[in-house]
Amino acid sequence: MSFIQSGIDFIVGGGFFMYVILGVFAIACAVLVERAKKLSSMDIDGPSFMNELQRYILSNDIQGAIRVCSGSNGALPRVLKSGLKRANQSPEQIQNAIDATALEVIPKLEQRLPYLSLCANLSTLFGLLGTIQGLIQSFAGLAAADPTQKAEILSSGLAVAMYTTALGLASAIVIMVFHAFLAAKAEKIVGEIDEFSVKLSDLLGTKKAD
């Protein structure tokens, strides 16, 4: 209970901008949870999946490979499935199908991630605004204050300045760490799409040549 009360005192002591920073942090958390769930559902073990597809393709079971892709919600299977559906067409048509699907899938991987950078920057800036507000409050109060009250007014203003700075920086750090993690996951999925789509095109072209 004392910890909760300390937290409440910390928020209240920081003034208006503390609530603004908390609002920005709440929005960032909502985006983080949504993106984490989405990217986790679209991320698979690319090398293992490609090895499984390769076994079907080398045994001339294209429909079996398509069924494997249909059984996964991942981004990579969706892209490769479009190429497999055109396995009997020319290499250019296969690549066009893969590229078209990739252009549709990749933006969904990176969707809303820029909002996290914005929230981190806003947290820092609102923290600085709170700092300025606290300093203005301190110096404005000191000018007309009774000498016996000056220490209290200065302490109150500096508390506002320091609390908002601390919360703004803490919020920004947390958001940036998780943003980096999610961006790395999205980059991994995009990298696997680029790598294995090329391998699929080459594999299908080799089979047709045989």
N, C-alpha and C. Protein backbone atom coordinates (compact mmCIF):
# COMPACT_ATOMS: atom_id res chain seq x y z
N MET A 1 0.83 -1.21 0.00
CA MET A 1 0.00 0.00 0.00
C MET A 1 0.86 1.25 0.00
N SER A 2 1.97 1.22 0.75
CA SER A 2 2.85 2.39 0.79
C SER A 2 3.48 2.64 -0.58
N PHE A 3 3.76 1.55 -1.31
CA PHE A 3 4.32 1.69 -2.66
C PHE A 3 3.31 2.34 -3.59
N ILE A 4 2.05 1.90 -3.48
CA ILE A 4 0.99 2.48 -4.32
C ILE A 4 0.79 3.95 -3.98
N GLN A 5 0.80 4.26 -2.69
CA GLN A 5 0.63 5.64 -2.27
C GLN A 5 1.78 6.51 -2.75
N SER A 6 2.99 5.95 -2.73
CA SER A 6 4.15 6.69 -3.23
C SER A 6 4.00 6.98 -4.72
N GLY A 7 3.49 5.99 -5.45
CA GLY A 7 3.27 6.19 -6.88
C GLY A 7 2.23 7.26 -7.15
N ILE A 8 1.16 7.24 -6.36
CA ILE A 8 0.11 8.25 -6.52
C ILE A 8 0.67 9.64 -6.20
N ASP A 9 1.43 9.73 -5.13
CA ASP A 9 2.04 11.02 -4.76
C ASP A 9 2.99 11.51 -5.85
N PHE A 10 3.71 10.57 -6.46
CA PHE A 10 4.64 10.91 -7.54
C PHE A 10 3.89 11.50 -8.73
N ILE A 11 2.77 10.87 -9.11
CA ILE A 11 1.99 11.35 -10.24
C ILE A 11 1.36 12.70 -9.93
N VAL A 12 0.73 12.79 -8.78
CA VAL A 12 0.06 14.04 -8.39
C VAL A 12 1.07 15.17 -8.24
N GLY A 13 2.23 14.86 -7.67
CA GLY A 13 3.24 15.89 -7.45
C GLY A 13 3.82 16.44 -8.73
N GLY A 14 3.74 15.68 -9.82
CA GLY A 14 4.31 16.14 -11.08
C GLY A 14 3.41 17.06 -11.88
N GLY A 15 2.14 17.13 -11.50
CA GLY A 15 1.24 18.05 -12.18
C GLY A 15 0.62 17.51 -13.45
N PHE A 16 0.10 18.43 -14.26
CA PHE A 16 -0.70 18.10 -15.45
C PHE A 16 0.04 17.21 -16.44
N PHE A 17 1.31 17.51 -16.72
CA PHE A 17 2.02 16.79 -17.77
C PHE A 17 2.30 15.33 -17.41
N MET A 18 2.20 14.99 -16.14
CA MET A 18 2.34 13.58 -15.74
C MET A 18 1.21 12.76 -16.35
N TYR A 19 0.00 13.31 -16.35
CA TYR A 19 -1.15 12.60 -16.92
C TYR A 19 -1.04 12.50 -18.44
N VAL A 20 -0.50 13.54 -19.04
CA VAL A 20 -0.29 13.52 -20.50
C VAL A 20 0.71 12.42 -20.87
N ILE A 21 1.80 12.35 -20.12
CA ILE A 21 2.82 11.32 -20.39
C ILE A 21 2.24 9.93 -20.18
N LEU A 22 1.47 9.76 -19.13
CA LEU A 22 0.83 8.46 -18.88
C LEU A 22 -0.13 8.10 -20.01
N GLY A 23 -0.84 9.09 -20.55
CA GLY A 23 -1.73 8.83 -21.68
C GLY A 23 -0.97 8.38 -22.91
N VAL A 24 0.15 9.05 -23.19
CA VAL A 24 0.99 8.65 -24.32
C VAL A 24 1.53 7.24 -24.11
N PHE A 25 1.95 6.95 -22.89
CA PHE A 25 2.48 5.62 -22.58
C PHE A 25 1.40 4.55 -22.75
N ALA A 26 0.17 4.87 -22.35
CA ALA A 26 -0.93 3.91 -22.49
C ALA A 26 -1.20 3.61 -23.97
N ILE A 27 -1.16 4.64 -24.81
CA ILE A 27 -1.35 4.44 -26.25
C ILE A 27 -0.23 3.57 -26.81
N ALA A 28 1.00 3.85 -26.39
CA ALA A 28 2.14 3.05 -26.85
C ALA A 28 2.00 1.60 -26.42
N CYS A 29 1.54 1.37 -25.19
CA CYS A 29 1.36 -0.01 -24.71
C CYS A 29 0.33 -0.75 -25.53
N ALA A 30 -0.76 -0.06 -25.91
CA ALA A 30 -1.78 -0.69 -26.74
C ALA A 30 -1.21 -1.11 -28.10
N VAL A 31 -0.41 -0.22 -28.68
CA VAL A 31 0.23 -0.53 -29.97
C VAL A 31 1.22 -1.68 -29.80
N LEU A 32 1.98 -1.66 -28.73
CA LEU A 32 2.97 -2.71 -28.47
C LEU A 32 2.30 -4.08 -28.36
N VAL A 33 1.22 -4.16 -27.61
CA VAL A 33 0.53 -5.44 -27.44
C VAL A 33 -0.04 -5.93 -28.76
N GLU A 34 -0.68 -5.02 -29.51
CA GLU A 34 -1.27 -5.41 -30.79
C GLU A 34 -0.21 -5.87 -31.78
N ARG A 35 0.90 -5.14 -31.87
CA ARG A 35 1.97 -5.49 -32.80
C ARG A 35 2.67 -6.79 -32.38
N ALA A 36 2.85 -6.98 -31.08
CA ALA A 36 3.50 -8.20 -30.60
C ALA A 36 2.67 -9.43 -30.97
N LYS A 37 1.36 -9.34 -30.78
CA LYS A 37 0.48 -10.46 -31.13
C LYS A 37 0.49 -10.72 -32.64
N LYS A 38 0.41 -9.64 -33.41
CA LYS A 38 0.36 -9.78 -34.87
C LYS A 38 1.65 -10.38 -35.41
N LEU A 39 2.79 -9.85 -34.97
CA LEU A 39 4.07 -10.34 -35.48
C LEU A 39 4.34 -11.77 -35.02
N SER A 40 3.91 -12.11 -33.82
CA SER A 40 4.10 -13.48 -33.34
C SER A 40 3.30 -14.46 -34.17
N SER A 41 2.10 -14.05 -34.58
CA SER A 41 1.26 -14.94 -35.40
C SER A 41 1.80 -15.08 -36.82
N MET A 42 2.57 -14.09 -37.29
CA MET A 42 3.09 -14.12 -38.66
C MET A 42 4.52 -14.63 -38.75
N ASP A 43 5.12 -14.90 -37.60
CA ASP A 43 6.51 -15.36 -37.57
C ASP A 43 6.57 -16.87 -37.45
N ILE A 44 7.31 -17.52 -38.32
CA ILE A 44 7.50 -18.97 -38.27
C ILE A 44 8.99 -19.28 -38.40
N ASP A 45 9.31 -20.56 -38.27
CA ASP A 45 10.69 -21.01 -38.47
C ASP A 45 10.93 -21.16 -39.97
N GLY A 46 11.47 -20.11 -40.59
CA GLY A 46 11.62 -20.08 -42.04
C GLY A 46 12.43 -21.24 -42.62
N PRO A 47 13.64 -21.51 -42.11
CA PRO A 47 14.44 -22.61 -42.68
C PRO A 47 13.74 -23.97 -42.62
N SER A 48 13.11 -24.28 -41.49
CA SER A 48 12.42 -25.56 -41.36
C SER A 48 11.24 -25.63 -42.32
N PHE A 49 10.52 -24.53 -42.43
CA PHE A 49 9.37 -24.50 -43.33
C PHE A 49 9.81 -24.69 -44.78
N MET A 50 10.90 -24.03 -45.18
CA MET A 50 11.39 -24.15 -46.54
C MET A 50 11.88 -25.56 -46.83
N ASN A 51 12.50 -26.20 -45.86
CA ASN A 51 12.95 -27.58 -46.04
C ASN A 51 11.77 -28.52 -46.28
N GLU A 52 10.67 -28.27 -45.56
CA GLU A 52 9.48 -29.09 -45.76
C GLU A 52 8.89 -28.89 -47.15
N LEU A 53 8.83 -27.63 -47.58
CA LEU A 53 8.33 -27.35 -48.93
C LEU A 53 9.21 -27.99 -49.99
N GLN A 54 10.51 -27.93 -49.76
CA GLN A 54 11.45 -28.48 -50.74
C GLN A 54 11.23 -29.97 -50.95
N ARG A 55 10.92 -30.68 -49.88
CA ARG A 55 10.66 -32.13 -50.02
C ARG A 55 9.45 -32.38 -50.92
N TYR A 56 8.40 -31.60 -50.74
CA TYR A 56 7.22 -31.76 -51.59
C TYR A 56 7.51 -31.41 -53.04
N ILE A 57 8.24 -30.31 -53.24
CA ILE A 57 8.52 -29.85 -54.60
C ILE A 57 9.41 -30.84 -55.34
N LEU A 58 10.42 -31.35 -54.66
CA LEU A 58 11.33 -32.30 -55.30
C LEU A 58 10.66 -33.63 -55.63
N SER A 59 9.57 -33.92 -54.92
CA SER A 59 8.81 -35.15 -55.22
C SER A 59 7.64 -34.85 -56.16
N ASN A 60 7.65 -33.64 -56.76
CA ASN A 60 6.63 -33.21 -57.72
C ASN A 60 5.23 -33.13 -57.12
N ASP A 61 5.14 -32.91 -55.82
CA ASP A 61 3.84 -32.77 -55.16
C ASP A 61 3.61 -31.29 -54.83
N ILE A 62 3.29 -30.51 -55.87
CA ILE A 62 3.08 -29.07 -55.68
C ILE A 62 1.84 -28.82 -54.84
N GLN A 63 0.79 -29.62 -55.06
CA GLN A 63 -0.44 -29.45 -54.28
C GLN A 63 -0.19 -29.71 -52.79
N GLY A 64 0.68 -30.67 -52.52
CA GLY A 64 1.04 -30.92 -51.12
C GLY A 64 1.75 -29.73 -50.51
N ALA A 65 2.63 -29.09 -51.29
CA ALA A 65 3.33 -27.89 -50.81
C ALA A 65 2.35 -26.75 -50.57
N ILE A 66 1.37 -26.62 -51.45
CA ILE A 66 0.35 -25.58 -51.28
C ILE A 66 -0.47 -25.82 -50.03
N ARG A 67 -0.78 -27.09 -49.76
CA ARG A 67 -1.54 -27.41 -48.54
C ARG A 67 -0.75 -27.06 -47.28
N VAL A 68 0.55 -27.28 -47.34
CA VAL A 68 1.40 -26.93 -46.19
C VAL A 68 1.35 -25.42 -45.96
N CYS A 69 1.41 -24.65 -47.02
CA CYS A 69 1.33 -23.20 -46.90
C CYS A 69 -0.03 -22.75 -46.37
N SER A 70 -1.08 -23.43 -46.83
CA SER A 70 -2.43 -23.07 -46.40
C SER A 70 -2.65 -23.35 -44.92
N GLY A 71 -1.88 -24.27 -44.37
CA GLY A 71 -2.05 -24.64 -42.97
C GLY A 71 -1.35 -23.71 -41.99
N SER A 72 -0.76 -22.62 -42.50
CA SER A 72 -0.05 -21.68 -41.63
C SER A 72 -0.56 -20.26 -41.87
N ASN A 73 -0.60 -19.47 -40.80
CA ASN A 73 -1.02 -18.07 -40.91
C ASN A 73 0.17 -17.13 -41.08
N GLY A 74 1.37 -17.69 -41.20
CA GLY A 74 2.57 -16.88 -41.29
C GLY A 74 2.65 -16.06 -42.57
N ALA A 75 3.48 -15.03 -42.53
CA ALA A 75 3.66 -14.18 -43.71
C ALA A 75 4.41 -14.92 -44.81
N LEU A 76 5.45 -15.68 -44.43
CA LEU A 76 6.25 -16.41 -45.42
C LEU A 76 5.42 -17.43 -46.19
N PRO A 77 4.63 -18.28 -45.53
CA PRO A 77 3.81 -19.24 -46.28
C PRO A 77 2.85 -18.57 -47.26
N ARG A 78 2.32 -17.44 -46.85
CA ARG A 78 1.38 -16.74 -47.74
C ARG A 78 2.07 -16.28 -49.01
N VAL A 79 3.29 -15.77 -48.88
CA VAL A 79 4.02 -15.29 -50.06
C VAL A 79 4.43 -16.47 -50.95
N LEU A 80 4.96 -17.52 -50.34
CA LEU A 80 5.41 -18.68 -51.12
C LEU A 80 4.25 -19.40 -51.78
N LYS A 81 3.11 -19.40 -51.14
CA LYS A 81 1.92 -20.06 -51.71
C LYS A 81 1.54 -19.43 -53.05
N SER A 82 1.66 -18.11 -53.15
CA SER A 82 1.33 -17.44 -54.41
C SER A 82 2.24 -17.88 -55.53
N GLY A 83 3.52 -18.15 -55.21
CA GLY A 83 4.44 -18.65 -56.23
C GLY A 83 4.15 -20.08 -56.60
N LEU A 84 3.80 -20.90 -55.61
CA LEU A 84 3.50 -22.31 -55.88
C LEU A 84 2.26 -22.47 -56.76
N LYS A 85 1.31 -21.56 -56.61
CA LYS A 85 0.10 -21.65 -57.42
C LYS A 85 0.38 -21.43 -58.91
N ARG A 86 1.53 -20.81 -59.21
CA ARG A 86 1.92 -20.59 -60.61
C ARG A 86 3.13 -21.42 -60.99
N ALA A 87 3.27 -22.55 -60.32
CA ALA A 87 4.45 -23.39 -60.54
C ALA A 87 4.58 -23.86 -61.99
N ASN A 88 3.46 -23.97 -62.71
CA ASN A 88 3.51 -24.45 -64.09
C ASN A 88 3.67 -23.33 -65.10
N GLN A 89 3.79 -22.10 -64.61
CA GLN A 89 3.94 -20.97 -65.52
C GLN A 89 5.42 -20.58 -65.63
N SER A 90 5.67 -19.49 -66.33
CA SER A 90 7.04 -19.07 -66.58
C SER A 90 7.67 -18.51 -65.30
N PRO A 91 9.02 -18.51 -65.23
CA PRO A 91 9.69 -17.95 -64.04
C PRO A 91 9.30 -16.50 -63.76
N GLU A 92 9.07 -15.73 -64.82
CA GLU A 92 8.68 -14.33 -64.64
C GLU A 92 7.31 -14.22 -63.98
N GLN A 93 6.39 -15.09 -64.39
CA GLN A 93 5.05 -15.06 -63.81
C GLN A 93 5.08 -15.52 -62.35
N ILE A 94 5.92 -16.50 -62.07
CA ILE A 94 6.08 -16.95 -60.68
C ILE A 94 6.61 -15.82 -59.81
N GLN A 95 7.65 -15.14 -60.31
CA GLN A 95 8.25 -14.06 -59.54
C GLN A 95 7.29 -12.89 -59.37
N ASN A 96 6.50 -12.61 -60.41
CA ASN A 96 5.52 -11.52 -60.32
C ASN A 96 4.47 -11.81 -59.25
N ALA A 97 4.04 -13.06 -59.18
CA ALA A 97 3.05 -13.44 -58.16
C ALA A 97 3.63 -13.30 -56.76
N ILE A 98 4.88 -13.74 -56.61
CA ILE A 98 5.54 -13.63 -55.30
C ILE A 98 5.72 -12.17 -54.91
N ASP A 99 6.17 -11.34 -55.86
CA ASP A 99 6.41 -9.93 -55.58
C ASP A 99 5.10 -9.21 -55.22
N ALA A 100 4.03 -9.53 -55.92
CA ALA A 100 2.74 -8.88 -55.66
C ALA A 100 2.25 -9.20 -54.24
N THR A 101 2.38 -10.45 -53.85
CA THR A 101 1.94 -10.84 -52.50
C THR A 101 2.84 -10.24 -51.44
N ALA A 102 4.15 -10.21 -51.72
CA ALA A 102 5.10 -9.63 -50.76
C ALA A 102 4.79 -8.15 -50.54
N LEU A 103 4.45 -7.43 -51.62
CA LEU A 103 4.12 -6.01 -51.50
C LEU A 103 2.85 -5.80 -50.68
N GLU A 104 2.01 -6.81 -50.64
CA GLU A 104 0.79 -6.74 -49.83
C GLU A 104 1.05 -7.09 -48.37
N VAL A 105 1.96 -8.05 -48.15
CA VAL A 105 2.18 -8.57 -46.80
C VAL A 105 3.14 -7.70 -45.99
N ILE A 106 4.24 -7.27 -46.61
CA ILE A 106 5.30 -6.57 -45.87
C ILE A 106 4.82 -5.30 -45.18
N PRO A 107 4.00 -4.44 -45.84
CA PRO A 107 3.52 -3.26 -45.11
C PRO A 107 2.72 -3.59 -43.86
N LYS A 108 2.04 -4.74 -43.84
CA LYS A 108 1.28 -5.14 -42.66
C LYS A 108 2.21 -5.51 -41.50
N LEU A 109 3.41 -5.98 -41.84
CA LEU A 109 4.37 -6.31 -40.79
C LEU A 109 4.87 -5.04 -40.09
N GLU A 110 5.06 -3.99 -40.86
CA GLU A 110 5.64 -2.75 -40.34
C GLU A 110 4.57 -1.73 -39.93
N GLN A 111 3.31 -2.12 -40.05
CA GLN A 111 2.21 -1.22 -39.74
C GLN A 111 2.22 -0.77 -38.27
N ARG A 112 2.02 0.50 -38.06
CA ARG A 112 1.93 1.13 -36.73
C ARG A 112 3.23 1.15 -35.93
N LEU A 113 4.29 0.53 -36.40
CA LEU A 113 5.56 0.60 -35.67
C LEU A 113 6.10 2.05 -35.58
N PRO A 114 5.92 2.88 -36.62
CA PRO A 114 6.39 4.27 -36.48
C PRO A 114 5.69 5.03 -35.36
N TYR A 115 4.47 4.61 -34.99
CA TYR A 115 3.78 5.28 -33.89
C TYR A 115 4.55 5.15 -32.58
N LEU A 116 5.28 4.05 -32.44
CA LEU A 116 6.03 3.85 -31.20
C LEU A 116 7.17 4.85 -31.08
N SER A 117 7.84 5.12 -32.18
CA SER A 117 8.89 6.16 -32.17
C SER A 117 8.29 7.52 -31.83
N LEU A 118 7.11 7.79 -32.39
CA LEU A 118 6.43 9.05 -32.10
C LEU A 118 6.09 9.15 -30.61
N CYS A 119 5.56 8.07 -30.04
CA CYS A 119 5.19 8.08 -28.62
C CYS A 119 6.43 8.27 -27.73
N ALA A 120 7.54 7.64 -28.09
CA ALA A 120 8.77 7.81 -27.31
C ALA A 120 9.24 9.27 -27.34
N ASN A 121 9.18 9.88 -28.52
CA ASN A 121 9.58 11.29 -28.64
C ASN A 121 8.64 12.21 -27.88
N LEU A 122 7.33 11.91 -27.96
CA LEU A 122 6.35 12.73 -27.25
C LEU A 122 6.54 12.64 -25.74
N SER A 123 6.84 11.44 -25.25
CA SER A 123 7.07 11.27 -23.81
C SER A 123 8.21 12.15 -23.34
N THR A 124 9.29 12.14 -24.11
CA THR A 124 10.46 12.96 -23.75
C THR A 124 10.12 14.45 -23.80
N LEU A 125 9.43 14.86 -24.85
CA LEU A 125 9.11 16.28 -25.02
C LEU A 125 8.12 16.78 -23.96
N PHE A 126 7.14 15.97 -23.64
CA PHE A 126 6.20 16.37 -22.59
C PHE A 126 6.90 16.41 -21.23
N GLY A 127 7.87 15.52 -21.04
CA GLY A 127 8.66 15.58 -19.82
C GLY A 127 9.43 16.89 -19.72
N LEU A 128 9.98 17.34 -20.84
CA LEU A 128 10.70 18.62 -20.86
C LEU A 128 9.76 19.80 -20.64
N LEU A 129 8.56 19.70 -21.21
CA LEU A 129 7.57 20.75 -20.97
C LEU A 129 7.21 20.83 -19.48
N GLY A 130 7.09 19.67 -18.87
CA GLY A 130 6.82 19.63 -17.44
C GLY A 130 7.96 20.24 -16.64
N THR A 131 9.17 20.00 -17.09
CA THR A 131 10.34 20.60 -16.43
C THR A 131 10.29 22.12 -16.49
N ILE A 132 10.00 22.63 -17.69
CA ILE A 132 9.91 24.08 -17.87
C ILE A 132 8.77 24.65 -17.02
N GLN A 133 7.65 23.94 -17.01
CA GLN A 133 6.52 24.39 -16.19
C GLN A 133 6.90 24.48 -14.72
N GLY A 134 7.61 23.46 -14.23
CA GLY A 134 8.03 23.46 -12.83
C GLY A 134 8.97 24.60 -12.51
N LEU A 135 9.90 24.89 -13.41
CA LEU A 135 10.85 25.98 -13.18
C LEU A 135 10.15 27.34 -13.21
N ILE A 136 9.23 27.49 -14.17
CA ILE A 136 8.47 28.75 -14.22
C ILE A 136 7.65 28.93 -12.95
N GLN A 137 7.04 27.85 -12.50
CA GLN A 137 6.25 27.88 -11.28
C GLN A 137 7.10 28.28 -10.08
N SER A 138 8.32 27.75 -10.04
CA SER A 138 9.22 28.07 -8.92
C SER A 138 9.61 29.54 -8.91
N PHE A 139 10.10 30.05 -10.06
CA PHE A 139 10.60 31.42 -10.10
C PHE A 139 9.48 32.44 -10.01
N ALA A 140 8.32 32.11 -10.57
CA ALA A 140 7.19 33.04 -10.48
C ALA A 140 6.70 33.14 -9.04
N GLY A 141 6.69 32.01 -8.33
CA GLY A 141 6.24 32.02 -6.95
C GLY A 141 7.22 32.70 -6.02
N LEU A 142 8.51 32.58 -6.31
CA LEU A 142 9.53 33.18 -5.44
C LEU A 142 9.48 34.70 -5.45
N ALA A 143 9.07 35.27 -6.58
CA ALA A 143 9.09 36.73 -6.72
C ALA A 143 8.14 37.41 -5.74
N ALA A 144 6.99 36.79 -5.50
CA ALA A 144 5.99 37.44 -4.65
C ALA A 144 5.78 36.72 -3.32
N ALA A 145 6.62 35.76 -3.02
CA ALA A 145 6.40 34.94 -1.83
C ALA A 145 7.02 35.56 -0.58
N ASP A 146 6.44 35.20 0.52
CA ASP A 146 7.00 35.56 1.81
C ASP A 146 8.31 34.79 2.01
N PRO A 147 9.34 35.40 2.58
CA PRO A 147 10.63 34.71 2.75
C PRO A 147 10.53 33.35 3.45
N THR A 148 9.57 33.23 4.35
CA THR A 148 9.43 31.96 5.06
C THR A 148 8.84 30.87 4.18
N GLN A 149 8.22 31.25 3.07
CA GLN A 149 7.57 30.27 2.18
C GLN A 149 8.40 29.96 0.93
N LYS A 150 9.48 30.69 0.76
CA LYS A 150 10.26 30.54 -0.47
C LYS A 150 10.81 29.12 -0.65
N ALA A 151 11.29 28.53 0.44
CA ALA A 151 11.85 27.18 0.34
C ALA A 151 10.79 26.17 -0.09
N GLU A 152 9.59 26.31 0.45
CA GLU A 152 8.50 25.40 0.11
C GLU A 152 8.08 25.55 -1.34
N ILE A 153 7.97 26.81 -1.81
CA ILE A 153 7.59 27.06 -3.20
C ILE A 153 8.65 26.53 -4.16
N LEU A 154 9.90 26.79 -3.83
CA LEU A 154 10.99 26.30 -4.68
C LEU A 154 11.00 24.77 -4.73
N SER A 155 10.78 24.14 -3.59
CA SER A 155 10.76 22.68 -3.52
C SER A 155 9.62 22.11 -4.35
N SER A 156 8.44 22.73 -4.27
CA SER A 156 7.29 22.27 -5.02
C SER A 156 7.52 22.38 -6.53
N GLY A 157 8.06 23.50 -6.98
CA GLY A 157 8.32 23.69 -8.40
C GLY A 157 9.37 22.75 -8.94
N LEU A 158 10.43 22.54 -8.16
CA LEU A 158 11.48 21.62 -8.60
C LEU A 158 10.97 20.19 -8.63
N ALA A 159 10.05 19.84 -7.73
CA ALA A 159 9.47 18.50 -7.74
C ALA A 159 8.72 18.26 -9.04
N VAL A 160 7.94 19.26 -9.44
CA VAL A 160 7.22 19.15 -10.73
C VAL A 160 8.21 18.96 -11.87
N ALA A 161 9.28 19.75 -11.85
CA ALA A 161 10.28 19.69 -12.92
C ALA A 161 10.95 18.32 -12.99
N MET A 162 11.36 17.81 -11.83
CA MET A 162 12.08 16.55 -11.81
C MET A 162 11.17 15.34 -12.06
N TYR A 163 9.97 15.36 -11.50
CA TYR A 163 9.06 14.23 -11.67
C TYR A 163 8.67 14.03 -13.13
N THR A 164 8.34 15.13 -13.81
CA THR A 164 7.94 15.00 -15.21
C THR A 164 9.11 14.57 -16.09
N THR A 165 10.29 15.08 -15.79
CA THR A 165 11.47 14.64 -16.55
C THR A 165 11.72 13.15 -16.36
N ALA A 166 11.65 12.71 -15.12
CA ALA A 166 11.89 11.30 -14.83
C ALA A 166 10.88 10.40 -15.51
N LEU A 167 9.59 10.75 -15.40
CA LEU A 167 8.56 9.90 -16.01
C LEU A 167 8.65 9.92 -17.53
N GLY A 168 8.91 11.10 -18.10
CA GLY A 168 9.03 11.19 -19.55
C GLY A 168 10.17 10.34 -20.09
N LEU A 169 11.32 10.40 -19.42
CA LEU A 169 12.47 9.61 -19.87
C LEU A 169 12.23 8.11 -19.66
N ALA A 170 11.65 7.74 -18.52
CA ALA A 170 11.39 6.33 -18.24
C ALA A 170 10.42 5.75 -19.27
N SER A 171 9.37 6.51 -19.57
CA SER A 171 8.40 6.08 -20.58
C SER A 171 9.05 5.91 -21.94
N ALA A 172 9.87 6.89 -22.34
CA ALA A 172 10.53 6.84 -23.64
C ALA A 172 11.48 5.65 -23.74
N ILE A 173 12.21 5.37 -22.67
CA ILE A 173 13.16 4.25 -22.68
C ILE A 173 12.44 2.93 -22.87
N VAL A 174 11.36 2.73 -22.11
CA VAL A 174 10.61 1.48 -22.22
C VAL A 174 10.04 1.31 -23.63
N ILE A 175 9.45 2.36 -24.16
CA ILE A 175 8.85 2.29 -25.50
C ILE A 175 9.92 2.00 -26.55
N MET A 176 11.08 2.65 -26.45
CA MET A 176 12.14 2.45 -27.44
C MET A 176 12.70 1.04 -27.41
N VAL A 177 12.82 0.47 -26.21
CA VAL A 177 13.34 -0.90 -26.10
C VAL A 177 12.41 -1.89 -26.80
N PHE A 178 11.10 -1.78 -26.51
CA PHE A 178 10.15 -2.70 -27.12
C PHE A 178 9.98 -2.43 -28.61
N HIS A 179 10.09 -1.17 -29.00
CA HIS A 179 10.04 -0.85 -30.43
C HIS A 179 11.19 -1.51 -31.17
N ALA A 180 12.38 -1.47 -30.59
CA ALA A 180 13.54 -2.10 -31.23
C ALA A 180 13.33 -3.61 -31.36
N PHE A 181 12.76 -4.22 -30.34
CA PHE A 181 12.49 -5.66 -30.37
C PHE A 181 11.50 -6.01 -31.48
N LEU A 182 10.41 -5.26 -31.59
CA LEU A 182 9.39 -5.54 -32.60
C LEU A 182 9.90 -5.23 -34.00
N ALA A 183 10.68 -4.16 -34.13
CA ALA A 183 11.25 -3.82 -35.44
C ALA A 183 12.20 -4.92 -35.91
N ALA A 184 12.97 -5.48 -34.98
CA ALA A 184 13.89 -6.57 -35.33
C ALA A 184 13.12 -7.81 -35.77
N LYS A 185 12.00 -8.09 -35.10
CA LYS A 185 11.18 -9.25 -35.49
C LYS A 185 10.59 -9.05 -36.88
N ALA A 186 10.08 -7.84 -37.14
CA ALA A 186 9.53 -7.56 -38.46
C ALA A 186 10.61 -7.66 -39.54
N GLU A 187 11.79 -7.15 -39.23
CA GLU A 187 12.90 -7.22 -40.19
C GLU A 187 13.30 -8.67 -40.47
N LYS A 188 13.26 -9.51 -39.44
CA LYS A 188 13.58 -10.94 -39.62
C LYS A 188 12.60 -11.60 -40.59
N ILE A 189 11.30 -11.30 -40.40
CA ILE A 189 10.29 -11.90 -41.27
C ILE A 189 10.47 -11.42 -42.70
N VAL A 190 10.72 -10.13 -42.87
CA VAL A 190 10.93 -9.58 -44.22
C VAL A 190 12.16 -10.21 -44.86
N GLY A 191 13.22 -10.38 -44.08
CA GLY A 191 14.44 -11.01 -44.60
C GLY A 191 14.19 -12.43 -45.06
N GLU A 192 13.40 -13.18 -44.30
CA GLU A 192 13.09 -14.56 -44.69
C GLU A 192 12.23 -14.60 -45.94
N ILE A 193 11.30 -13.64 -46.07
CA ILE A 193 10.49 -13.57 -47.28
C ILE A 193 11.38 -13.34 -48.50
N ASP A 194 12.31 -12.40 -48.38
CA ASP A 194 13.22 -12.11 -49.50
C ASP A 194 14.08 -13.34 -49.84
N GLU A 195 14.63 -13.96 -48.80
CA GLU A 195 15.54 -15.09 -49.02
C GLU A 195 14.83 -16.30 -49.62
N PHE A 196 13.75 -16.71 -49.00
CA PHE A 196 13.12 -17.96 -49.40
C PHE A 196 12.24 -17.83 -50.64
N SER A 197 11.79 -16.62 -50.95
CA SER A 197 11.06 -16.44 -52.20
C SER A 197 12.01 -16.62 -53.39
N VAL A 198 13.23 -16.13 -53.24
CA VAL A 198 14.24 -16.32 -54.29
C VAL A 198 14.58 -17.81 -54.42
N LYS A 199 14.74 -18.49 -53.31
CA LYS A 199 15.04 -19.92 -53.34
C LYS A 199 13.91 -20.72 -53.96
N LEU A 200 12.67 -20.32 -53.67
CA LEU A 200 11.53 -21.02 -54.27
C LEU A 200 11.50 -20.83 -55.78
N SER A 201 11.72 -19.60 -56.23
CA SER A 201 11.74 -19.34 -57.67
C SER A 201 12.82 -20.16 -58.35
N ASP A 202 13.98 -20.22 -57.74
CA ASP A 202 15.09 -20.99 -58.31
C ASP A 202 14.77 -22.48 -58.32
N LEU A 203 14.15 -22.96 -57.24
CA LEU A 203 13.80 -24.38 -57.14
C LEU A 203 12.77 -24.77 -58.18
N LEU A 204 11.75 -23.94 -58.35
CA LEU A 204 10.70 -24.24 -59.35
C LEU A 204 11.27 -24.16 -60.76
N GLY A 205 12.19 -23.19 -61.00
CA GLY A 205 12.81 -23.09 -62.31
C GLY A 205 13.68 -24.29 -62.62
N THR A 206 14.38 -24.80 -61.62
CA THR A 206 15.23 -25.98 -61.79
C THR A 206 14.39 -27.22 -62.10
N LYS A 207 13.24 -27.34 -61.39
CA LYS A 207 12.36 -28.49 -61.63
C LYS A 207 11.80 -28.47 -63.04
N LYS A 208 11.44 -27.28 -63.52
CA LYS A 208 10.90 -27.19 -64.87
C LYS A 208 11.96 -27.51 -65.91
N ALA A 209 13.20 -27.12 -65.62
CA ALA A 209 14.29 -27.42 -66.55
C ALA A 209 14.54 -28.92 -66.63
N ASP A 210 14.36 -29.59 -65.47
CA ASP A 210 14.53 -31.05 -65.45
C ASP A 210 13.45 -31.76 -66.27
